[in-house]
Amino acid sequence: MIRLACEQQHAQTKGQLCAGCAHLLAYASERIARCPHGETKPTCRNCPIHCYRPDERAQITDVMKFAGPRLLAGGDPDALKHLFLARKTVAARPEPPAGEGALGK
């Protein structure tokens, strides 16, 4: 989604991200990798834990609003899966495995 939004909104060379989008992608990848829900992670909208800082959360929201409909219209299987998972909710924060700390906000 970030690549699509960057290519179409920031007029970058195809396959290259601008510095801001590259930072956002690295940040989002780190947050997802550290998610305590792991493989059972719900969509961020339905998650009881908001692990993105407010500025990055607003940027990701903008990216999703732009790229989401374009990916769905193109029949992207990951976008369809995300839409399906958006209905899934999670009740509570899972306990971290022994020896692991918080997300380090």
C-alpha atoms as a PDB file:
ATOM      1  CA  MET A   1       0.000   0.000   0.000  1.00  0.00           C
ATOM      2  CA  ILE A   2       2.812   2.392   0.864  1.00  0.00           C
ATOM      3  CA  ARG A   3       4.542   1.723  -2.461  1.00  0.00           C
ATOM      4  CA  LEU A   4       1.354   2.320  -4.436  1.00  0.00           C
ATOM      5  CA  ALA A   5       0.559   5.549  -2.586  1.00  0.00           C
ATOM      6  CA  CYS A   6       4.122   6.833  -2.950  1.00  0.00           C
ATOM      7  CA  GLU A   7       4.337   6.054  -6.664  1.00  0.00           C
ATOM      8  CA  GLN A   8       1.030   7.739  -7.433  1.00  0.00           C
ATOM      9  CA  GLN A   9       1.116  10.645  -4.978  1.00  0.00           C
ATOM     10  CA  HIS A  10       4.778  11.605  -4.801  1.00  0.00           C
ATOM     11  CA  ALA A  11       5.761  11.153  -8.467  1.00  0.00           C
ATOM     12  CA  GLN A  12       8.793   9.024  -7.616  1.00  0.00           C
ATOM     13  CA  THR A  13      10.549   6.671  -9.985  1.00  0.00           C
ATOM     14  CA  LYS A  14       8.759   3.318 -10.080  1.00  0.00           C
ATOM     15  CA  GLY A  15      10.110   0.921  -7.503  1.00  0.00           C
ATOM     16  CA  GLN A  16      11.668   3.701  -5.401  1.00  0.00           C
ATOM     17  CA  LEU A  17      10.174   5.240  -2.290  1.00  0.00           C
ATOM     18  CA  CYS A  18      10.666   8.836  -1.221  1.00  0.00           C
ATOM     19  CA  ALA A  19      12.493   9.297   2.090  1.00  0.00           C
ATOM     20  CA  GLY A  20       9.265   9.832   4.054  1.00  0.00           C
ATOM     21  CA  CYS A  21       7.592   6.717   2.675  1.00  0.00           C
ATOM     22  CA  ALA A  22      10.753   4.639   3.166  1.00  0.00           C
ATOM     23  CA  HIS A  23      10.782   5.712   6.831  1.00  0.00           C
ATOM     24  CA  LEU A  24       7.076   4.886   7.191  1.00  0.00           C
ATOM     25  CA  LEU A  25       7.564   1.437   5.649  1.00  0.00           C
ATOM     26  CA  ALA A  26      10.480   0.659   7.986  1.00  0.00           C
ATOM     27  CA  TYR A  27       8.489   1.900  10.994  1.00  0.00           C
ATOM     28  CA  ALA A  28       5.395  -0.115  10.056  1.00  0.00           C
ATOM     29  CA  SER A  29       7.458  -3.251   9.434  1.00  0.00           C
ATOM     30  CA  GLU A  30       9.056  -2.926  12.886  1.00  0.00           C
ATOM     31  CA  ARG A  31       5.692  -2.418  14.583  1.00  0.00           C
ATOM     32  CA  ILE A  32       4.172  -5.437  12.832  1.00  0.00           C
ATOM     33  CA  ALA A  33       7.173  -7.613  13.696  1.00  0.00           C
ATOM     34  CA  ARG A  34       6.840  -6.638  17.372  1.00  0.00           C
ATOM     35  CA  CYS A  35       3.070  -7.108  17.567  1.00  0.00           C
ATOM     36  CA  PRO A  36       2.222  -9.267  20.603  1.00  0.00           C
ATOM     37  CA  HIS A  37      -0.687 -10.817  18.678  1.00  0.00           C
ATOM     38  CA  GLY A  38       1.734 -12.405  16.203  1.00  0.00           C
ATOM     39  CA  GLU A  39       0.049 -14.421  13.468  1.00  0.00           C
ATOM     40  CA  THR A  40      -3.399 -13.845  14.994  1.00  0.00           C
ATOM     41  CA  LYS A  41      -3.080 -10.060  14.613  1.00  0.00           C
ATOM     42  CA  PRO A  42      -6.357  -8.321  13.787  1.00  0.00           C
ATOM     43  CA  THR A  43      -6.454  -5.231  11.624  1.00  0.00           C
ATOM     44  CA  CYS A  44      -5.148  -2.181  13.454  1.00  0.00           C
ATOM     45  CA  ARG A  45      -8.617  -0.617  13.533  1.00  0.00           C
ATOM     46  CA  ASN A  46      -9.917  -3.576  15.577  1.00  0.00           C
ATOM     47  CA  CYS A  47      -6.875  -4.027  17.784  1.00  0.00           C
ATOM     48  CA  PRO A  48      -7.014  -3.069  21.475  1.00  0.00           C
ATOM     49  CA  ILE A  49      -3.323  -2.088  21.297  1.00  0.00           C
ATOM     50  CA  HIS A  50      -2.385   0.997  19.300  1.00  0.00           C
ATOM     51  CA  CYS A  51       1.347   0.571  18.843  1.00  0.00           C
ATOM     52  CA  TYR A  52       1.868   3.309  16.227  1.00  0.00           C
ATOM     53  CA  ARG A  53       2.774   6.827  17.350  1.00  0.00           C
ATOM     54  CA  PRO A  54       0.015   9.330  16.475  1.00  0.00           C
ATOM     55  CA  ASP A  55       1.906  10.895  13.530  1.00  0.00           C
ATOM     56  CA  GLU A  56       2.722   7.548  11.916  1.00  0.00           C
ATOM     57  CA  ARG A  57      -0.795   6.285  12.586  1.00  0.00           C
ATOM     58  CA  ALA A  58      -2.218   9.280  10.716  1.00  0.00           C
ATOM     59  CA  GLN A  59       0.188   8.664   7.815  1.00  0.00           C
ATOM     60  CA  ILE A  60      -0.762   4.971   7.618  1.00  0.00           C
ATOM     61  CA  THR A  61      -4.442   5.907   7.703  1.00  0.00           C
ATOM     62  CA  ASP A  62      -3.907   8.276   4.756  1.00  0.00           C
ATOM     63  CA  VAL A  63      -2.018   5.588   2.832  1.00  0.00           C
ATOM     64  CA  MET A  64      -4.797   3.040   3.440  1.00  0.00           C
ATOM     65  CA  LYS A  65      -7.509   5.491   2.398  1.00  0.00           C
ATOM     66  CA  PHE A  66      -5.673   6.133  -0.865  1.00  0.00           C
ATOM     67  CA  ALA A  67      -4.348   2.684  -1.739  1.00  0.00           C
ATOM     68  CA  GLY A  68      -7.040   0.408  -0.280  1.00  0.00           C
ATOM     69  CA  PRO A  69      -9.793   1.112  -2.813  1.00  0.00           C
ATOM     70  CA  ARG A  70      -7.310   0.918  -5.693  1.00  0.00           C
ATOM     71  CA  LEU A  71      -6.047  -2.483  -4.559  1.00  0.00           C
ATOM     72  CA  LEU A  72      -9.583  -3.799  -4.024  1.00  0.00           C
ATOM     73  CA  ALA A  73     -10.659  -2.587  -7.463  1.00  0.00           C
ATOM     74  CA  GLY A  74      -7.702  -4.472  -8.936  1.00  0.00           C
ATOM     75  CA  GLY A  75      -8.700  -7.688  -7.162  1.00  0.00           C
ATOM     76  CA  ASP A  76      -5.532  -7.866  -5.031  1.00  0.00           C
ATOM     77  CA  PRO A  77      -5.836 -11.046  -2.895  1.00  0.00           C
ATOM     78  CA  ASP A  78      -4.077  -9.450   0.096  1.00  0.00           C
ATOM     79  CA  ALA A  79      -6.476  -6.504   0.005  1.00  0.00           C
ATOM     80  CA  LEU A  80      -9.443  -8.882  -0.072  1.00  0.00           C
ATOM     81  CA  LYS A  81      -7.988 -10.828   2.874  1.00  0.00           C
ATOM     82  CA  HIS A  82      -7.489  -7.561   4.796  1.00  0.00           C
ATOM     83  CA  LEU A  83     -11.092  -6.572   4.130  1.00  0.00           C
ATOM     84  CA  PHE A  84     -12.266  -9.953   5.474  1.00  0.00           C
ATOM     85  CA  LEU A  85     -10.018  -9.684   8.554  1.00  0.00           C
ATOM     86  CA  ALA A  86     -11.298  -6.172   9.244  1.00  0.00           C
ATOM     87  CA  ARG A  87     -14.414  -7.838  10.641  1.00  0.00           C
ATOM     88  CA  LYS A  88     -12.395  -9.920  13.112  1.00  0.00           C
ATOM     89  CA  THR A  89     -12.075  -8.541  16.631  1.00  0.00           C
ATOM     90  CA  VAL A  90      -9.722  -9.378  19.434  1.00  0.00           C
ATOM     91  CA  ALA A  91     -10.784  -9.379  23.069  1.00  0.00           C
ATOM     92  CA  ALA A  92      -7.646  -8.553  25.004  1.00  0.00           C
ATOM     93  CA  ARG A  93      -3.928  -8.035  24.876  1.00  0.00           C
ATOM     94  CA  PRO A  94      -2.053 -11.347  24.910  1.00  0.00           C
ATOM     95  CA  GLU A  95       0.608 -11.935  27.538  1.00  0.00           C
ATOM     96  CA  PRO A  96       4.150 -11.540  26.164  1.00  0.00           C
ATOM     97  CA  PRO A  97       6.345 -14.651  26.155  1.00  0.00           C
ATOM     98  CA  ALA A  98       8.702 -14.880  29.130  1.00  0.00           C
ATOM     99  CA  GLY A  99      11.724 -12.631  28.771  1.00  0.00           C
ATOM    100  CA  GLU A 100      10.174 -10.205  26.292  1.00  0.00           C
ATOM    101  CA  GLY A 101       9.314  -6.622  27.197  1.00  0.00           C
ATOM    102  CA  ALA A 102       6.794  -4.138  25.922  1.00  0.00           C
ATOM    103  CA  LEU A 103       6.685  -2.685  22.427  1.00  0.00           C
ATOM    104  CA  GLY A 104       9.003   0.132  23.413  1.00  0.00           C
ATOM    105  CA  LYS A 105       6.777   2.990  22.334  1.00  0.00           C
END
